[in-house]
Amino acid sequence: MGIIVQKFGGSSVENTDKLFNVCSHIIKEYDKGNYVVVVVSAQRKNNR
């Protein structure tokens, strides 16, 4: 068991589909028994 720090921002959190992908990365580490620290920075601006 370890401490995993994951940082996400920009295009990786710009929409719902990508947020679910980020969540799956977090869950995988948690399921391995690790402590997970998540840092989320600003979302990419989406002008669509």
N, C-alpha and C. Protein backbone atom coordinates (compact mmCIF):
# COMPACT_ATOMS: atom_id res chain seq x y z
N MET A 1 0.85 -1.16 0.00
CA MET A 1 0.00 0.00 0.00
C MET A 1 0.90 1.23 0.00
N GLY A 2 0.56 2.19 -0.84
CA GLY A 2 1.33 3.42 -0.93
C GLY A 2 0.41 4.61 -1.04
N ILE A 3 1.05 5.75 -1.15
CA ILE A 3 0.31 6.98 -1.39
C ILE A 3 0.56 7.39 -2.83
N ILE A 4 -0.51 7.51 -3.58
CA ILE A 4 -0.43 7.88 -4.99
C ILE A 4 -1.01 9.28 -5.14
N VAL A 5 -0.25 10.18 -5.76
CA VAL A 5 -0.73 11.53 -6.04
C VAL A 5 -0.97 11.63 -7.53
N GLN A 6 -2.18 11.98 -7.91
CA GLN A 6 -2.54 12.13 -9.32
C GLN A 6 -3.04 13.55 -9.54
N LYS A 7 -2.56 14.17 -10.61
CA LYS A 7 -2.96 15.53 -10.94
C LYS A 7 -3.60 15.53 -12.32
N PHE A 8 -4.78 16.12 -12.41
CA PHE A 8 -5.50 16.19 -13.67
C PHE A 8 -5.91 17.63 -13.91
N GLY A 9 -5.92 18.02 -15.16
CA GLY A 9 -6.36 19.37 -15.51
C GLY A 9 -6.38 19.55 -17.01
N GLY A 10 -6.81 20.71 -17.42
CA GLY A 10 -6.83 21.04 -18.84
C GLY A 10 -7.76 20.14 -19.62
N SER A 11 -7.24 19.58 -20.70
CA SER A 11 -8.07 18.78 -21.60
C SER A 11 -8.54 17.46 -20.97
N SER A 12 -7.86 16.98 -19.92
CA SER A 12 -8.27 15.71 -19.31
C SER A 12 -9.53 15.83 -18.48
N VAL A 13 -9.98 17.05 -18.20
CA VAL A 13 -11.21 17.25 -17.43
C VAL A 13 -12.16 18.21 -18.14
N GLU A 14 -12.05 18.30 -19.45
CA GLU A 14 -12.83 19.31 -20.18
C GLU A 14 -14.28 18.93 -20.43
N ASN A 15 -14.64 17.64 -20.32
CA ASN A 15 -16.04 17.26 -20.53
C ASN A 15 -16.36 16.01 -19.71
N THR A 16 -17.61 15.63 -19.74
CA THR A 16 -18.07 14.52 -18.90
C THR A 16 -17.38 13.21 -19.22
N ASP A 17 -17.22 12.90 -20.49
CA ASP A 17 -16.57 11.64 -20.87
C ASP A 17 -15.15 11.57 -20.33
N LYS A 18 -14.44 12.66 -20.43
CA LYS A 18 -13.06 12.68 -19.94
C LYS A 18 -12.99 12.64 -18.42
N LEU A 19 -13.98 13.23 -17.76
CA LEU A 19 -14.03 13.15 -16.30
C LEU A 19 -14.25 11.71 -15.83
N PHE A 20 -15.10 10.96 -16.55
CA PHE A 20 -15.29 9.55 -16.21
C PHE A 20 -14.01 8.76 -16.41
N ASN A 21 -13.22 9.11 -17.42
CA ASN A 21 -11.93 8.46 -17.64
C ASN A 21 -10.98 8.75 -16.48
N VAL A 22 -10.96 9.99 -16.03
CA VAL A 22 -10.14 10.36 -14.88
C VAL A 22 -10.57 9.55 -13.65
N CYS A 23 -11.87 9.45 -13.45
CA CYS A 23 -12.39 8.68 -12.31
C CYS A 23 -11.94 7.22 -12.36
N SER A 24 -11.90 6.65 -13.55
CA SER A 24 -11.48 5.25 -13.67
C SER A 24 -10.02 5.09 -13.27
N HIS A 25 -9.18 6.07 -13.58
CA HIS A 25 -7.76 6.02 -13.16
C HIS A 25 -7.65 6.08 -11.63
N ILE A 26 -8.45 6.93 -11.04
CA ILE A 26 -8.44 7.08 -9.57
C ILE A 26 -8.91 5.78 -8.92
N ILE A 27 -9.99 5.22 -9.42
CA ILE A 27 -10.56 4.00 -8.85
C ILE A 27 -9.60 2.83 -8.96
N LYS A 28 -8.89 2.72 -10.08
CA LYS A 28 -7.92 1.63 -10.26
C LYS A 28 -6.86 1.66 -9.17
N GLU A 29 -6.34 2.83 -8.86
CA GLU A 29 -5.32 2.93 -7.81
C GLU A 29 -5.91 2.64 -6.44
N TYR A 30 -7.11 3.11 -6.19
CA TYR A 30 -7.75 2.84 -4.91
C TYR A 30 -8.01 1.35 -4.73
N ASP A 31 -8.47 0.70 -5.79
CA ASP A 31 -8.75 -0.74 -5.73
C ASP A 31 -7.49 -1.57 -5.51
N LYS A 32 -6.34 -1.03 -5.85
CA LYS A 32 -5.06 -1.72 -5.58
C LYS A 32 -4.67 -1.61 -4.11
N GLY A 33 -5.44 -0.84 -3.34
CA GLY A 33 -5.16 -0.69 -1.91
C GLY A 33 -4.34 0.53 -1.58
N ASN A 34 -4.14 1.42 -2.52
CA ASN A 34 -3.36 2.63 -2.30
C ASN A 34 -4.23 3.75 -1.74
N TYR A 35 -3.58 4.64 -0.99
CA TYR A 35 -4.21 5.91 -0.65
C TYR A 35 -4.04 6.80 -1.88
N VAL A 36 -5.08 7.50 -2.25
CA VAL A 36 -5.03 8.31 -3.47
C VAL A 36 -5.32 9.77 -3.12
N VAL A 37 -4.39 10.64 -3.52
CA VAL A 37 -4.55 12.08 -3.40
C VAL A 37 -4.74 12.60 -4.80
N VAL A 38 -5.83 13.33 -5.03
CA VAL A 38 -6.15 13.82 -6.37
C VAL A 38 -6.14 15.35 -6.36
N VAL A 39 -5.42 15.91 -7.32
CA VAL A 39 -5.37 17.35 -7.52
C VAL A 39 -6.01 17.63 -8.87
N VAL A 40 -7.02 18.50 -8.88
CA VAL A 40 -7.68 18.86 -10.13
C VAL A 40 -7.49 20.35 -10.35
N SER A 41 -6.88 20.69 -11.47
CA SER A 41 -6.70 22.11 -11.80
C SER A 41 -7.77 22.55 -12.78
N ALA A 42 -7.61 23.70 -13.34
CA ALA A 42 -8.64 24.30 -14.19
C ALA A 42 -9.00 23.43 -15.39
N GLN A 43 -10.28 23.47 -15.72
CA GLN A 43 -10.74 22.79 -16.93
C GLN A 43 -10.35 23.59 -18.16
N ARG A 44 -10.14 22.87 -19.24
CA ARG A 44 -9.88 23.54 -20.50
C ARG A 44 -11.16 24.24 -20.94
N LYS A 45 -11.02 25.40 -21.49
CA LYS A 45 -12.19 26.15 -21.96
C LYS A 45 -12.72 25.50 -23.22
N ASN A 46 -14.00 25.23 -23.23
CA ASN A 46 -14.63 24.57 -24.37
C ASN A 46 -15.60 25.56 -25.00
N ASN A 47 -15.25 26.08 -26.17
CA ASN A 47 -16.08 27.09 -26.85
C ASN A 47 -16.97 26.51 -27.93
N ARG A 48 -17.43 25.30 -27.74
CA ARG A 48 -18.28 24.67 -28.77
C ARG A 48 -19.72 24.95 -28.51
